[in-house]
Every structure is written in C-alpha cells, then in structure tokens.
Amino acid sequence: MDLEARSLQPNVKAVLLAKLREYKSDLNNLKSEVKRIASGNLNPAARDELLESGMADALTASADQRSRLMTTTERLNQSSDRIKDSRRTMLETEELGVSILQDLHSQRQSLLHANNTVSL
C-alpha cells in the first residue's frame, strides 16, 4: 500500500501517506497490547476488568439478540395468524361458492322441468 500511495498525485499522496502512518501506528499499538495481554504480566485486577468488560459486551449483545429474536418471533406469530385467518376466509368463501352453485343447479333444473311441462 505504501508503494501505491507514493505513486499517486502529490495532493492525494500526502493524505494517503498520513493515513497509512496512522494505521501503522494503530497496528503497532494493538500488537503491543496483544503482547502485553498474552504475556501474562497482567495483574489480576486488570485481567478481571478486561474479562468483565468482555462479558458485559457479550451480555449486552446477547440481550440485543434476544430482543431481536423476540420481535421476530412475534412478527412470525402475527404472520401465521394472518395466514390462518386468510385460509379460514378462503374456505368459507369456497363453501359459499359451492352452495351458490348447488342452488343455481337446482334452479336450472326447476326451470328446465317447468319449460318441459309447459311445452307438452
């Protein structure tokens, strides 16, 4: 990245090189912190604080996930209820349609019978 930044135009080059130096500095700081933590020279209080802050973050994330899960479950239940209601309405409509068709068939038969009777 350093070579790519140096090959750019001067006005862009200065900004990118400054950012690159900042990123390298951050990386070195993080590396030294990892070495310090991994070396075991961390006193028990600092270690507990580090672990507790990690647990607090995990508990917060867990609570957020639980909240999102509850919200999603509630929406899913509402959707399921709407589907059940729609299905029930569809079945009622189908039954009504069958009943209407039977009535129409019966009326047709009556009209045909009346027509045959009058024609004779």
PDB file of N, CA and C in Angstrom:
ATOM      1  N   MET A   1       0.823  -1.186   0.000  1.00  0.00           N
ATOM      2  CA  MET A   1       0.000   0.000   0.000  1.00  0.00           C
ATOM      3  C   MET A   1       0.866   1.247   0.000  1.00  0.00           C
ATOM      4  N   ASP A   2       1.982   1.149   0.666  1.00  0.00           N
ATOM      5  CA  ASP A   2       2.886   2.292   0.738  1.00  0.00           C
ATOM      6  C   ASP A   2       3.374   2.668  -0.656  1.00  0.00           C
ATOM      7  N   LEU A   3       3.748   1.663  -1.452  1.00  0.00           N
ATOM      8  CA  LEU A   3       4.224   1.928  -2.811  1.00  0.00           C
ATOM      9  C   LEU A   3       3.115   2.504  -3.678  1.00  0.00           C
ATOM     10  N   GLU A   4       1.921   2.003  -3.526  1.00  0.00           N
ATOM     11  CA  GLU A   4       0.795   2.510  -4.308  1.00  0.00           C
ATOM     12  C   GLU A   4       0.506   3.960  -3.958  1.00  0.00           C
ATOM     13  N   ALA A   5       0.557   4.290  -2.664  1.00  0.00           N
ATOM     14  CA  ALA A   5       0.290   5.663  -2.239  1.00  0.00           C
ATOM     15  C   ALA A   5       1.361   6.607  -2.768  1.00  0.00           C
ATOM     16  N   ARG A   6       2.615   6.161  -2.808  1.00  0.00           N
ATOM     17  CA  ARG A   6       3.706   7.021  -3.281  1.00  0.00           C
ATOM     18  C   ARG A   6       3.634   7.283  -4.785  1.00  0.00           C
ATOM     19  N   SER A   7       2.967   6.393  -5.514  1.00  0.00           N
ATOM     20  CA  SER A   7       2.909   6.560  -6.967  1.00  0.00           C
ATOM     21  C   SER A   7       1.747   7.452  -7.411  1.00  0.00           C
ATOM     22  N   LEU A   8       0.953   7.944  -6.485  1.00  0.00           N
ATOM     23  CA  LEU A   8      -0.200   8.778  -6.834  1.00  0.00           C
ATOM     24  C   LEU A   8       0.191  10.248  -6.956  1.00  0.00           C
ATOM     25  N   GLN A   9      -0.771  11.065  -7.338  1.00  0.00           N
ATOM     26  CA  GLN A   9      -0.547  12.504  -7.477  1.00  0.00           C
ATOM     27  C   GLN A   9      -0.206  13.102  -6.116  1.00  0.00           C
ATOM     28  N   PRO A  10       0.573  14.161  -6.093  1.00  0.00           N
ATOM     29  CA  PRO A  10       1.052  14.736  -4.825  1.00  0.00           C
ATOM     30  C   PRO A  10      -0.058  15.146  -3.851  1.00  0.00           C
ATOM     31  N   ASN A  11      -1.162  15.705  -4.353  1.00  0.00           N
ATOM     32  CA  ASN A  11      -2.206  16.154  -3.428  1.00  0.00           C
ATOM     33  C   ASN A  11      -2.904  14.969  -2.753  1.00  0.00           C
ATOM     34  N   VAL A  12      -3.068  13.866  -3.437  1.00  0.00           N
ATOM     35  CA  VAL A  12      -3.683  12.663  -2.870  1.00  0.00           C
ATOM     36  C   VAL A  12      -2.649  11.880  -2.071  1.00  0.00           C
ATOM     37  N   LYS A  13      -1.437  11.905  -2.536  1.00  0.00           N
ATOM     38  CA  LYS A  13      -0.337  11.151  -1.934  1.00  0.00           C
ATOM     39  C   LYS A  13      -0.122  11.550  -0.473  1.00  0.00           C
ATOM     40  N   ALA A  14      -0.126  12.834  -0.179  1.00  0.00           N
ATOM     41  CA  ALA A  14       0.132  13.301   1.185  1.00  0.00           C
ATOM     42  C   ALA A  14      -0.950  12.808   2.147  1.00  0.00           C
ATOM     43  N   VAL A  15      -2.185  12.877   1.712  1.00  0.00           N
ATOM     44  CA  VAL A  15      -3.294  12.441   2.566  1.00  0.00           C
ATOM     45  C   VAL A  15      -3.204  10.943   2.827  1.00  0.00           C
ATOM     46  N   LEU A  16      -2.966  10.176   1.767  1.00  0.00           N
ATOM     47  CA  LEU A  16      -2.904   8.723   1.922  1.00  0.00           C
ATOM     48  C   LEU A  16      -1.712   8.285   2.765  1.00  0.00           C
ATOM     49  N   LEU A  17      -0.576   8.940   2.591  1.00  0.00           N
ATOM     50  CA  LEU A  17       0.594   8.581   3.397  1.00  0.00           C
ATOM     51  C   LEU A  17       0.353   8.903   4.871  1.00  0.00           C
ATOM     52  N   ALA A  18      -0.332   9.998   5.160  1.00  0.00           N
ATOM     53  CA  ALA A  18      -0.647  10.336   6.553  1.00  0.00           C
ATOM     54  C   ALA A  18      -1.572   9.277   7.151  1.00  0.00           C
ATOM     55  N   LYS A  19      -2.584   8.878   6.398  1.00  0.00           N
ATOM     56  CA  LYS A  19      -3.491   7.831   6.880  1.00  0.00           C
ATOM     57  C   LYS A  19      -2.743   6.520   7.078  1.00  0.00           C
ATOM     58  N   LEU A  20      -1.848   6.214   6.147  1.00  0.00           N
ATOM     59  CA  LEU A  20      -1.077   4.981   6.232  1.00  0.00           C
ATOM     60  C   LEU A  20      -0.206   4.977   7.489  1.00  0.00           C
ATOM     61  N   ARG A  21       0.445   6.115   7.791  1.00  0.00           N
ATOM     62  CA  ARG A  21       1.246   6.209   9.013  1.00  0.00           C
ATOM     63  C   ARG A  21       0.364   6.027  10.251  1.00  0.00           C
ATOM     64  N   GLU A  22      -0.826   6.612  10.216  1.00  0.00           N
ATOM     65  CA  GLU A  22      -1.755   6.486  11.340  1.00  0.00           C
ATOM     66  C   GLU A  22      -2.178   5.028  11.527  1.00  0.00           C
ATOM     67  N   TYR A  23      -2.482   4.361  10.430  1.00  0.00           N
ATOM     68  CA  TYR A  23      -2.887   2.953  10.507  1.00  0.00           C
ATOM     69  C   TYR A  23      -1.750   2.073  11.021  1.00  0.00           C
ATOM     70  N   LYS A  24      -0.530   2.364  10.559  1.00  0.00           N
ATOM     71  CA  LYS A  24       0.621   1.589  11.030  1.00  0.00           C
ATOM     72  C   LYS A  24       0.830   1.800  12.523  1.00  0.00           C
ATOM     73  N   SER A  25       0.658   3.029  12.974  1.00  0.00           N
ATOM     74  CA  SER A  25       0.801   3.332  14.396  1.00  0.00           C
ATOM     75  C   SER A  25      -0.256   2.588  15.207  1.00  0.00           C
ATOM     76  N   ASP A  26      -1.504   2.620  14.729  1.00  0.00           N
ATOM     77  CA  ASP A  26      -2.575   1.886  15.410  1.00  0.00           C
ATOM     78  C   ASP A  26      -2.269   0.393  15.463  1.00  0.00           C
ATOM     79  N   LEU A  27      -1.773  -0.142  14.354  1.00  0.00           N
ATOM     80  CA  LEU A  27      -1.437  -1.561  14.301  1.00  0.00           C
ATOM     81  C   LEU A  27      -0.343  -1.895  15.305  1.00  0.00           C
ATOM     82  N   ASN A  28       0.679  -1.063  15.386  1.00  0.00           N
ATOM     83  CA  ASN A  28       1.760  -1.306  16.343  1.00  0.00           C
ATOM     84  C   ASN A  28       1.254  -1.228  17.779  1.00  0.00           C
ATOM     85  N   ASN A  29       0.377  -0.265  18.059  1.00  0.00           N
ATOM     86  CA  ASN A  29      -0.193  -0.158  19.408  1.00  0.00           C
ATOM     87  C   ASN A  29      -1.003  -1.403  19.756  1.00  0.00           C
ATOM     88  N   LEU A  30      -1.798  -1.866  18.816  1.00  0.00           N
ATOM     89  CA  LEU A  30      -2.599  -3.064  19.061  1.00  0.00           C
ATOM     90  C   LEU A  30      -1.719  -4.297  19.243  1.00  0.00           C
ATOM     91  N   LYS A  31      -0.651  -4.387  18.447  1.00  0.00           N
ATOM     92  CA  LYS A  31       0.272  -5.518  18.596  1.00  0.00           C
ATOM     93  C   LYS A  31       0.915  -5.514  19.976  1.00  0.00           C
ATOM     94  N   SER A  32       1.340  -4.343  20.433  1.00  0.00           N
ATOM     95  CA  SER A  32       1.984  -4.281  21.748  1.00  0.00           C
ATOM     96  C   SER A  32       0.980  -4.604  22.856  1.00  0.00           C
ATOM     97  N   GLU A  33      -0.272  -4.184  22.694  1.00  0.00           N
ATOM     98  CA  GLU A  33      -1.294  -4.505  23.688  1.00  0.00           C
ATOM     99  C   GLU A  33      -1.567  -6.007  23.720  1.00  0.00           C
ATOM    100  N   VAL A  34      -1.605  -6.631  22.553  1.00  0.00           N
ATOM    101  CA  VAL A  34      -1.808  -8.079  22.491  1.00  0.00           C
ATOM    102  C   VAL A  34      -0.645  -8.796  23.161  1.00  0.00           C
ATOM    103  N   LYS A  35       0.582  -8.349  22.903  1.00  0.00           N
ATOM    104  CA  LYS A  35       1.747  -8.974  23.537  1.00  0.00           C
ATOM    105  C   LYS A  35       1.679  -8.822  25.048  1.00  0.00           C
ATOM    106  N   ARG A  36       1.280  -7.631  25.510  1.00  0.00           N
ATOM    107  CA  ARG A  36       1.204  -7.371  26.948  1.00  0.00           C
ATOM    108  C   ARG A  36       0.158  -8.280  27.591  1.00  0.00           C
ATOM    109  N   ILE A  37      -0.978  -8.420  26.942  1.00  0.00           N
ATOM    110  CA  ILE A  37      -2.044  -9.256  27.497  1.00  0.00           C
ATOM    111  C   ILE A  37      -1.657 -10.729  27.438  1.00  0.00           C
ATOM    112  N   ALA A  38      -1.054 -11.131  26.330  1.00  0.00           N
ATOM    113  CA  ALA A  38      -0.694 -12.535  26.147  1.00  0.00           C
ATOM    114  C   ALA A  38       0.464 -12.951  27.045  1.00  0.00           C
ATOM    115  N   SER A  39       1.298 -12.001  27.459  1.00  0.00           N
ATOM    116  CA  SER A  39       2.469 -12.357  28.252  1.00  0.00           C
ATOM    117  C   SER A  39       2.107 -12.796  29.666  1.00  0.00           C
ATOM    118  N   GLY A  40       0.918 -12.486  30.122  1.00  0.00           N
ATOM    119  CA  GLY A  40       0.520 -12.920  31.456  1.00  0.00           C
ATOM    120  C   GLY A  40       0.968 -11.970  32.541  1.00  0.00           C
ATOM    121  N   ASN A  41       1.588 -10.865  32.189  1.00  0.00           N
ATOM    122  CA  ASN A  41       2.035  -9.891  33.175  1.00  0.00           C
ATOM    123  C   ASN A  41       0.895  -8.986  33.636  1.00  0.00           C
ATOM    124  N   LEU A  42      -0.265  -9.295  33.232  1.00  0.00           N
ATOM    125  CA  LEU A  42      -1.438  -8.511  33.588  1.00  0.00           C
ATOM    126  C   LEU A  42      -1.802  -8.827  35.035  1.00  0.00           C
ATOM    127  N   ASN A  43      -1.937  -7.814  35.851  1.00  0.00           N
ATOM    128  CA  ASN A  43      -2.292  -8.074  37.244  1.00  0.00           C
ATOM    129  C   ASN A  43      -3.730  -8.576  37.316  1.00  0.00           C
ATOM    130  N   PRO A  44      -4.084  -9.280  38.378  1.00  0.00           N
ATOM    131  CA  PRO A  44      -5.416  -9.896  38.467  1.00  0.00           C
ATOM    132  C   PRO A  44      -6.565  -8.893  38.334  1.00  0.00           C
ATOM    133  N   ALA A  45      -6.413  -7.702  38.895  1.00  0.00           N
ATOM    134  CA  ALA A  45      -7.495  -6.713  38.815  1.00  0.00           C
ATOM    135  C   ALA A  45      -7.708  -6.271  37.373  1.00  0.00           C
ATOM    136  N   ALA A  46      -6.613  -6.017  36.662  1.00  0.00           N
ATOM    137  CA  ALA A  46      -6.730  -5.598  35.262  1.00  0.00           C
ATOM    138  C   ALA A  46      -7.300  -6.729  34.416  1.00  0.00           C
ATOM    139  N   ARG A  47      -6.868  -7.955  34.740  1.00  0.00           N
ATOM    140  CA  ARG A  47      -7.379  -9.113  34.000  1.00  0.00           C
ATOM    141  C   ARG A  47      -8.887  -9.267  34.213  1.00  0.00           C
ATOM    142  N   ASP A  48      -9.312  -9.163  35.478  1.00  0.00           N
ATOM    143  CA  ASP A  48     -10.745  -9.266  35.777  1.00  0.00           C
ATOM    144  C   ASP A  48     -11.539  -8.159  35.089  1.00  0.00           C
ATOM    145  N   GLU A  49     -10.978  -6.947  35.108  1.00  0.00           N
ATOM    146  CA  GLU A  49     -11.659  -5.827  34.449  1.00  0.00           C
ATOM    147  C   GLU A  49     -11.808  -6.091  32.957  1.00  0.00           C
ATOM    148  N   LEU A  50     -10.748  -6.603  32.351  1.00  0.00           N
ATOM    149  CA  LEU A  50     -10.785  -6.901  30.923  1.00  0.00           C
ATOM    150  C   LEU A  50     -11.834  -7.974  30.628  1.00  0.00           C
ATOM    151  N   LEU A  51     -11.847  -9.027  31.434  1.00  0.00           N
ATOM    152  CA  LEU A  51     -12.811 -10.102  31.218  1.00  0.00           C
ATOM    153  C   LEU A  51     -14.238  -9.641  31.487  1.00  0.00           C
ATOM    154  N   GLU A  52     -14.426  -8.826  32.518  1.00  0.00           N
ATOM    155  CA  GLU A  52     -15.768  -8.327  32.828  1.00  0.00           C
ATOM    156  C   GLU A  52     -16.292  -7.427  31.722  1.00  0.00           C
ATOM    157  N   SER A  53     -15.415  -6.589  31.177  1.00  0.00           N
ATOM    158  CA  SER A  53     -15.878  -5.712  30.092  1.00  0.00           C
ATOM    159  C   SER A  53     -16.248  -6.545  28.876  1.00  0.00           C
ATOM    160  N   GLY A  54     -15.507  -7.607  28.638  1.00  0.00           N
ATOM    161  CA  GLY A  54     -15.853  -8.501  27.537  1.00  0.00           C
ATOM    162  C   GLY A  54     -17.169  -9.207  27.787  1.00  0.00           C
ATOM    163  N   MET A  55     -17.390  -9.610  29.035  1.00  0.00           N
ATOM    164  CA  MET A  55     -18.644 -10.275  29.381  1.00  0.00           C
ATOM    165  C   MET A  55     -19.813  -9.303  29.301  1.00  0.00           C
ATOM    166  N   ALA A  56     -19.575  -8.055  29.718  1.00  0.00           N
ATOM    167  CA  ALA A  56     -20.644  -7.054  29.645  1.00  0.00           C
ATOM    168  C   ALA A  56     -21.041  -6.834  28.194  1.00  0.00           C
ATOM    169  N   ASP A  57     -20.030  -6.762  27.320  1.00  0.00           N
ATOM    170  CA  ASP A  57     -20.329  -6.610  25.894  1.00  0.00           C
ATOM    171  C   ASP A  57     -21.098  -7.818  25.379  1.00  0.00           C
ATOM    172  N   ALA A  58     -20.691  -9.002  25.813  1.00  0.00           N
ATOM    173  CA  ALA A  58     -21.373 -10.221  25.370  1.00  0.00           C
ATOM    174  C   ALA A  58     -22.801 -10.268  25.903  1.00  0.00           C
ATOM    175  N   LEU A  59     -22.981  -9.857  27.160  1.00  0.00           N
ATOM    176  CA  LEU A  59     -24.332  -9.852  27.726  1.00  0.00           C
ATOM    177  C   LEU A  59     -25.216  -8.825  27.034  1.00  0.00           C
ATOM    178  N   THR A  60     -24.640  -7.669  26.722  1.00  0.00           N
ATOM    179  CA  THR A  60     -25.400  -6.645  26.006  1.00  0.00           C
ATOM    180  C   THR A  60     -25.780  -7.150  24.625  1.00  0.00           C
ATOM    181  N   ALA A  61     -24.812  -7.768  23.952  1.00  0.00           N
ATOM    182  CA  ALA A  61     -25.095  -8.323  22.624  1.00  0.00           C
ATOM    183  C   ALA A  61     -26.139  -9.424  22.734  1.00  0.00           C
ATOM    184  N   SER A  62     -26.024 -10.242  23.771  1.00  0.00           N
ATOM    185  CA  SER A  62     -26.990 -11.319  23.965  1.00  0.00           C
ATOM    186  C   SER A  62     -28.386 -10.757  24.223  1.00  0.00           C
ATOM    187  N   ALA A  63     -28.471  -9.705  25.018  1.00  0.00           N
ATOM    188  CA  ALA A  63     -29.773  -9.078  25.289  1.00  0.00           C
ATOM    189  C   ALA A  63     -30.347  -8.472  24.011  1.00  0.00           C
ATOM    190  N   ASP A  64     -29.485  -7.846  23.212  1.00  0.00           N
ATOM    191  CA  ASP A  64     -29.943  -7.281  21.936  1.00  0.00           C
ATOM    192  C   ASP A  64     -30.438  -8.382  21.014  1.00  0.00           C
ATOM    193  N   GLN A  65     -29.690  -9.469  20.959  1.00  0.00           N
ATOM    194  CA  GLN A  65     -30.098 -10.588  20.108  1.00  0.00           C
ATOM    195  C   GLN A  65     -31.410 -11.184  20.603  1.00  0.00           C
ATOM    196  N   ARG A  66     -31.538 -11.305  21.911  1.00  0.00           N
ATOM    197  CA  ARG A  66     -32.769 -11.852  22.484  1.00  0.00           C
ATOM    198  C   ARG A  66     -33.948 -10.942  22.145  1.00  0.00           C
ATOM    199  N   SER A  67     -33.737  -9.644  22.239  1.00  0.00           N
ATOM    200  CA  SER A  67     -34.799  -8.686  21.909  1.00  0.00           C
ATOM    201  C   SER A  67     -35.196  -8.800  20.443  1.00  0.00           C
ATOM    202  N   ARG A  68     -34.198  -8.870  19.560  1.00  0.00           N
ATOM    203  CA  ARG A  68     -34.491  -9.013  18.128  1.00  0.00           C
ATOM    204  C   ARG A  68     -35.192 -10.337  17.857  1.00  0.00           C
ATOM    205  N   LEU A  69     -34.768 -11.388  18.538  1.00  0.00           N
ATOM    206  CA  LEU A  69     -35.391 -12.700  18.364  1.00  0.00           C
ATOM    207  C   LEU A  69     -36.845 -12.674  18.821  1.00  0.00           C
ATOM    208  N   MET A  70     -37.110 -12.027  19.943  1.00  0.00           N
ATOM    209  CA  MET A  70     -38.485 -11.932  20.440  1.00  0.00           C
ATOM    210  C   MET A  70     -39.352 -11.136  19.467  1.00  0.00           C
ATOM    211  N   THR A  71     -38.811 -10.042  18.947  1.00  0.00           N
ATOM    212  CA  THR A  71     -39.555  -9.223  17.987  1.00  0.00           C
ATOM    213  C   THR A  71     -39.844 -10.016  16.726  1.00  0.00           C
ATOM    214  N   THR A  72     -38.839 -10.721  16.239  1.00  0.00           N
ATOM    215  CA  THR A  72     -39.008 -11.520  15.029  1.00  0.00           C
ATOM    216  C   THR A  72     -40.010 -12.649  15.257  1.00  0.00           C
ATOM    217  N   THR A  73     -39.940 -13.281  16.414  1.00  0.00           N
ATOM    218  CA  THR A  73     -40.880 -14.356  16.737  1.00  0.00           C
ATOM    219  C   THR A  73     -42.304 -13.823  16.798  1.00  0.00           C
ATOM    220  N   GLU A  74     -42.476 -12.653  17.397  1.00  0.00           N
ATOM    221  CA  GLU A  74     -43.811 -12.050  17.478  1.00  0.00           C
ATOM    222  C   GLU A  74     -44.348 -11.736  16.083  1.00  0.00           C
ATOM    223  N   ARG A  75     -43.496 -11.179  15.222  1.00  0.00           N
ATOM    224  CA  ARG A  75     -43.931 -10.886  13.851  1.00  0.00           C
ATOM    225  C   ARG A  75     -44.279 -12.170  13.114  1.00  0.00           C
ATOM    226  N   LEU A  76     -43.498 -13.214  13.330  1.00  0.00           N
ATOM    227  CA  LEU A  76     -43.772 -14.504  12.699  1.00  0.00           C
ATOM    228  C   LEU A  76     -45.108 -15.066  13.179  1.00  0.00           C
ATOM    229  N   ASN A  77     -45.365 -14.957  14.471  1.00  0.00           N
ATOM    230  CA  ASN A  77     -46.648 -15.425  15.010  1.00  0.00           C
ATOM    231  C   ASN A  77     -47.811 -14.625  14.428  1.00  0.00           C
ATOM    232  N   GLN A  78     -47.639 -13.314  14.304  1.00  0.00           N
ATOM    233  CA  GLN A  78     -48.693 -12.481  13.716  1.00  0.00           C
ATOM    234  C   GLN A  78     -48.932 -12.871  12.260  1.00  0.00           C
ATOM    235  N   SER A  79     -47.858 -13.115  11.538  1.00  0.00           N
ATOM    236  CA  SER A  79     -47.995 -13.535  10.136  1.00  0.00           C
ATOM    237  C   SER A  79     -48.707 -14.880  10.047  1.00  0.00           C
ATOM    238  N   SER A  80     -48.364 -15.794  10.933  1.00  0.00           N
ATOM    239  CA  SER A  80     -49.025 -17.107  10.949  1.00  0.00           C
ATOM    240  C   SER A  80     -50.515 -16.956  11.234  1.00  0.00           C
ATOM    241  N   ASP A  81     -50.853 -16.074  12.175  1.00  0.00           N
ATOM    242  CA  ASP A  81     -52.272 -15.840  12.482  1.00  0.00           C
ATOM    243  C   ASP A  81     -53.002 -15.259  11.280  1.00  0.00           C
ATOM    244  N   ARG A  82     -52.362 -14.324  10.576  1.00  0.00           N
ATOM    245  CA  ARG A  82     -52.992 -13.746   9.382  1.00  0.00           C
ATOM    246  C   ARG A  82     -53.192 -14.805   8.310  1.00  0.00           C
ATOM    247  N   ILE A  83     -52.224 -15.694   8.161  1.00  0.00           N
ATOM    248  CA  ILE A  83     -52.356 -16.770   7.169  1.00  0.00           C
ATOM    249  C   ILE A  83     -53.508 -17.694   7.555  1.00  0.00           C
ATOM    250  N   LYS A  84     -53.614 -18.031   8.842  1.00  0.00           N
ATOM    251  CA  LYS A  84     -54.715 -18.891   9.296  1.00  0.00           C
ATOM    252  C   LYS A  84     -56.060 -18.216   9.048  1.00  0.00           C
ATOM    253  N   ASP A  85     -56.148 -16.914   9.356  1.00  0.00           N
ATOM    254  CA  ASP A  85     -57.398 -16.182   9.116  1.00  0.00           C
ATOM    255  C   ASP A  85     -57.731 -16.155   7.632  1.00  0.00           C
ATOM    256  N   SER A  86     -56.727 -15.924   6.804  1.00  0.00           N
ATOM    257  CA  SER A  86     -56.949 -15.896   5.353  1.00  0.00           C
ATOM    258  C   SER A  86     -57.406 -17.254   4.850  1.00  0.00           C
ATOM    259  N   ARG A  87     -56.801 -18.306   5.369  1.00  0.00           N
ATOM    260  CA  ARG A  87     -57.189 -19.664   4.960  1.00  0.00           C
ATOM    261  C   ARG A  87     -58.635 -19.954   5.370  1.00  0.00           C
ATOM    262  N   ARG A  88     -58.993 -19.557   6.588  1.00  0.00           N
ATOM    263  CA  ARG A  88     -60.358 -19.768   7.058  1.00  0.00           C
ATOM    264  C   ARG A  88     -61.350 -18.992   6.174  1.00  0.00           C
ATOM    265  N   THR A  89     -61.018 -17.754   5.840  1.00  0.00           N
ATOM    266  CA  THR A  89     -61.880 -16.950   4.967  1.00  0.00           C
ATOM    267  C   THR A  89     -61.999 -17.593   3.595  1.00  0.00           C
ATOM    268  N   MET A  90     -60.884 -18.113   3.083  1.00  0.00           N
ATOM    269  CA  MET A  90     -60.903 -18.772   1.779  1.00  0.00           C
ATOM    270  C   MET A  90     -61.817 -19.997   1.802  1.00  0.00           C
ATOM    271  N   LEU A  91     -61.725 -20.802   2.858  1.00  0.00           N
ATOM    272  CA  LEU A  91     -62.565 -21.999   2.962  1.00  0.00           C
ATOM    273  C   LEU A  91     -64.043 -21.631   3.082  1.00  0.00           C
ATOM    274  N   GLU A  92     -64.336 -20.587   3.858  1.00  0.00           N
ATOM    275  CA  GLU A  92     -65.730 -20.139   3.972  1.00  0.00           C
ATOM    276  C   GLU A  92     -66.253 -19.660   2.622  1.00  0.00           C
ATOM    277  N   THR A  93     -65.415 -18.923   1.891  1.00  0.00           N
ATOM    278  CA  THR A  93     -65.810 -18.428   0.570  1.00  0.00           C
ATOM    279  C   THR A  93     -66.035 -19.585  -0.390  1.00  0.00           C
ATOM    280  N   GLU A  94     -65.167 -20.586  -0.308  1.00  0.00           N
ATOM    281  CA  GLU A  94     -65.318 -21.760  -1.169  1.00  0.00           C
ATOM    282  C   GLU A  94     -66.625 -22.496  -0.857  1.00  0.00           C
ATOM    283  N   GLU A  95     -66.924 -22.664   0.424  1.00  0.00           N
ATOM    284  CA  GLU A  95     -68.182 -23.318   0.814  1.00  0.00           C
ATOM    285  C   GLU A  95     -69.386 -22.520   0.320  1.00  0.00           C
ATOM    286  N   LEU A  96     -69.321 -21.203   0.432  1.00  0.00           N
ATOM    287  CA  LEU A  96     -70.408 -20.352  -0.049  1.00  0.00           C
ATOM    288  C   LEU A  96     -70.571 -20.498  -1.558  1.00  0.00           C
ATOM    289  N   GLY A  97     -69.450 -20.543  -2.276  1.00  0.00           N
ATOM    290  CA  GLY A  97     -69.490 -20.732  -3.730  1.00  0.00           C
ATOM    291  C   GLY A  97     -70.126 -22.055  -4.108  1.00  0.00           C
ATOM    292  N   VAL A  98     -69.773 -23.116  -3.393  1.00  0.00           N
ATOM    293  CA  VAL A  98     -70.358 -24.439  -3.660  1.00  0.00           C
ATOM    294  C   VAL A  98     -71.859 -24.393  -3.406  1.00  0.00           C
ATOM    295  N   SER A  99     -72.261 -23.750  -2.323  1.00  0.00           N
ATOM    296  CA  SER A  99     -73.686 -23.639  -2.003  1.00  0.00           C
ATOM    297  C   SER A  99     -74.433 -22.867  -3.085  1.00  0.00           C
ATOM    298  N   ILE A 100     -73.848 -21.770  -3.555  1.00  0.00           N
ATOM    299  CA  ILE A 100     -74.477 -20.974  -4.619  1.00  0.00           C
ATOM    300  C   ILE A 100     -74.600 -21.794  -5.892  1.00  0.00           C
ATOM    301  N   LEU A 101     -73.547 -22.531  -6.240  1.00  0.00           N
ATOM    302  CA  LEU A 101     -73.596 -23.368  -7.443  1.00  0.00           C
ATOM    303  C   LEU A 101     -74.675 -24.441  -7.317  1.00  0.00           C
ATOM    304  N   GLN A 102     -74.824 -25.030  -6.139  1.00  0.00           N
ATOM    305  CA  GLN A 102     -75.877 -26.031  -5.936  1.00  0.00           C
ATOM    306  C   GLN A 102     -77.262 -25.399  -6.087  1.00  0.00           C
ATOM    307  N   ASP A 103     -77.432 -24.204  -5.521  1.00  0.00           N
ATOM    308  CA  ASP A 103     -78.716 -23.503  -5.662  1.00  0.00           C
ATOM    309  C   ASP A 103     -79.003 -23.189  -7.125  1.00  0.00           C
ATOM    310  N   LEU A 104     -77.999 -22.709  -7.839  1.00  0.00           N
ATOM    311  CA  LEU A 104     -78.179 -22.396  -9.259  1.00  0.00           C
ATOM    312  C   LEU A 104     -78.527 -23.649 -10.056  1.00  0.00           C
ATOM    313  N   HIS A 105     -77.867 -24.757  -9.724  1.00  0.00           N
ATOM    314  CA  HIS A 105     -78.158 -26.016 -10.409  1.00  0.00           C
ATOM    315  C   HIS A 105     -79.609 -26.436 -10.144  1.00  0.00           C
ATOM    316  N   SER A 106     -80.018 -26.310  -8.895  1.00  0.00           N
ATOM    317  CA  SER A 106     -81.392 -26.666  -8.535  1.00  0.00           C
ATOM    318  C   SER A 106     -82.393 -25.772  -9.269  1.00  0.00           C
ATOM    319  N   GLN A 107     -82.097 -24.478  -9.323  1.00  0.00           N
ATOM    320  CA  GLN A 107     -82.986 -23.550 -10.033  1.00  0.00           C
ATOM    321  C   GLN A 107     -83.027 -23.860 -11.529  1.00  0.00           C
ATOM    322  N   ARG A 108     -81.889 -24.234 -12.083  1.00  0.00           N
ATOM    323  CA  ARG A 108     -81.839 -24.595 -13.509  1.00  0.00           C
ATOM    324  C   ARG A 108     -82.714 -25.812 -13.770  1.00  0.00           C
ATOM    325  N   GLN A 109     -82.583 -26.790 -12.872  1.00  0.00           N
ATOM    326  CA  GLN A 109     -83.393 -27.999 -13.028  1.00  0.00           C
ATOM    327  C   GLN A 109     -84.886 -27.659 -12.946  1.00  0.00           C
ATOM    328  N   SER A 110     -85.225 -26.773 -12.031  1.00  0.00           N
ATOM    329  CA  SER A 110     -86.637 -26.364 -11.905  1.00  0.00           C
ATOM    330  C   SER A 110     -87.113 -25.661 -13.164  1.00  0.00           C
ATOM    331  N   LEU A 111     -86.291 -24.762 -13.699  1.00  0.00           N
ATOM    332  CA  LEU A 111     -86.659 -24.042 -14.924  1.00  0.00           C
ATOM    333  C   LEU A 111     -86.787 -24.997 -16.103  1.00  0.00           C
ATOM    334  N   LEU A 112     -85.860 -25.936 -16.211  1.00  0.00           N
ATOM    335  CA  LEU A 112     -85.937 -26.905 -17.309  1.00  0.00           C
ATOM    336  C   LEU A 112     -87.193 -27.766 -17.174  1.00  0.00           C
ATOM    337  N   HIS A 113     -87.487 -28.196 -15.954  1.00  0.00           N
ATOM    338  CA  HIS A 113     -88.686 -29.007 -15.720  1.00  0.00           C
ATOM    339  C   HIS A 113     -89.949 -28.205 -16.060  1.00  0.00           C
ATOM    340  N   ALA A 114     -89.961 -26.923 -15.646  1.00  0.00           N
ATOM    341  CA  ALA A 114     -91.120 -26.072 -15.946  1.00  0.00           C
ATOM    342  C   ALA A 114     -91.248 -25.858 -17.447  1.00  0.00           C
ATOM    343  N   ASN A 115     -90.146 -25.678 -18.120  1.00  0.00           N
ATOM    344  CA  ASN A 115     -90.157 -25.481 -19.575  1.00  0.00           C
ATOM    345  C   ASN A 115     -90.685 -26.733 -20.272  1.00  0.00           C
ATOM    346  N   ASN A 116     -90.246 -27.903 -19.810  1.00  0.00           N
ATOM    347  CA  ASN A 116     -90.713 -29.166 -20.398  1.00  0.00           C
ATOM    348  C   ASN A 116     -92.205 -29.363 -20.143  1.00  0.00           C
ATOM    349  N   THR A 117     -92.659 -28.975 -18.969  1.00  0.00           N
ATOM    350  CA  THR A 117     -94.075 -29.136 -18.628  1.00  0.00           C
ATOM    351  C   THR A 117     -94.940 -28.209 -19.476  1.00  0.00           C
ATOM    352  N   VAL A 118     -94.494 -26.987 -19.674  1.00  0.00           N
ATOM    353  CA  VAL A 118     -95.258 -26.018 -20.462  1.00  0.00           C
ATOM    354  C   VAL A 118     -95.246 -26.402 -21.935  1.00  0.00           C
ATOM    355  N   SER A 119     -94.182 -26.964 -22.408  1.00  0.00           N
ATOM    356  CA  SER A 119     -94.046 -27.325 -23.816  1.00  0.00           C
ATOM    357  C   SER A 119     -94.940 -28.489 -24.189  1.00  0.00           C
ATOM    358  N   LEU A 120     -95.284 -29.332 -23.253  1.00  0.00           N
ATOM    359  CA  LEU A 120     -96.092 -30.504 -23.574  1.00  0.00           C
ATOM    360  C   LEU A 120     -97.476 -30.129 -23.783  1.00  0.00           C
TER     361      LEU A 120
END
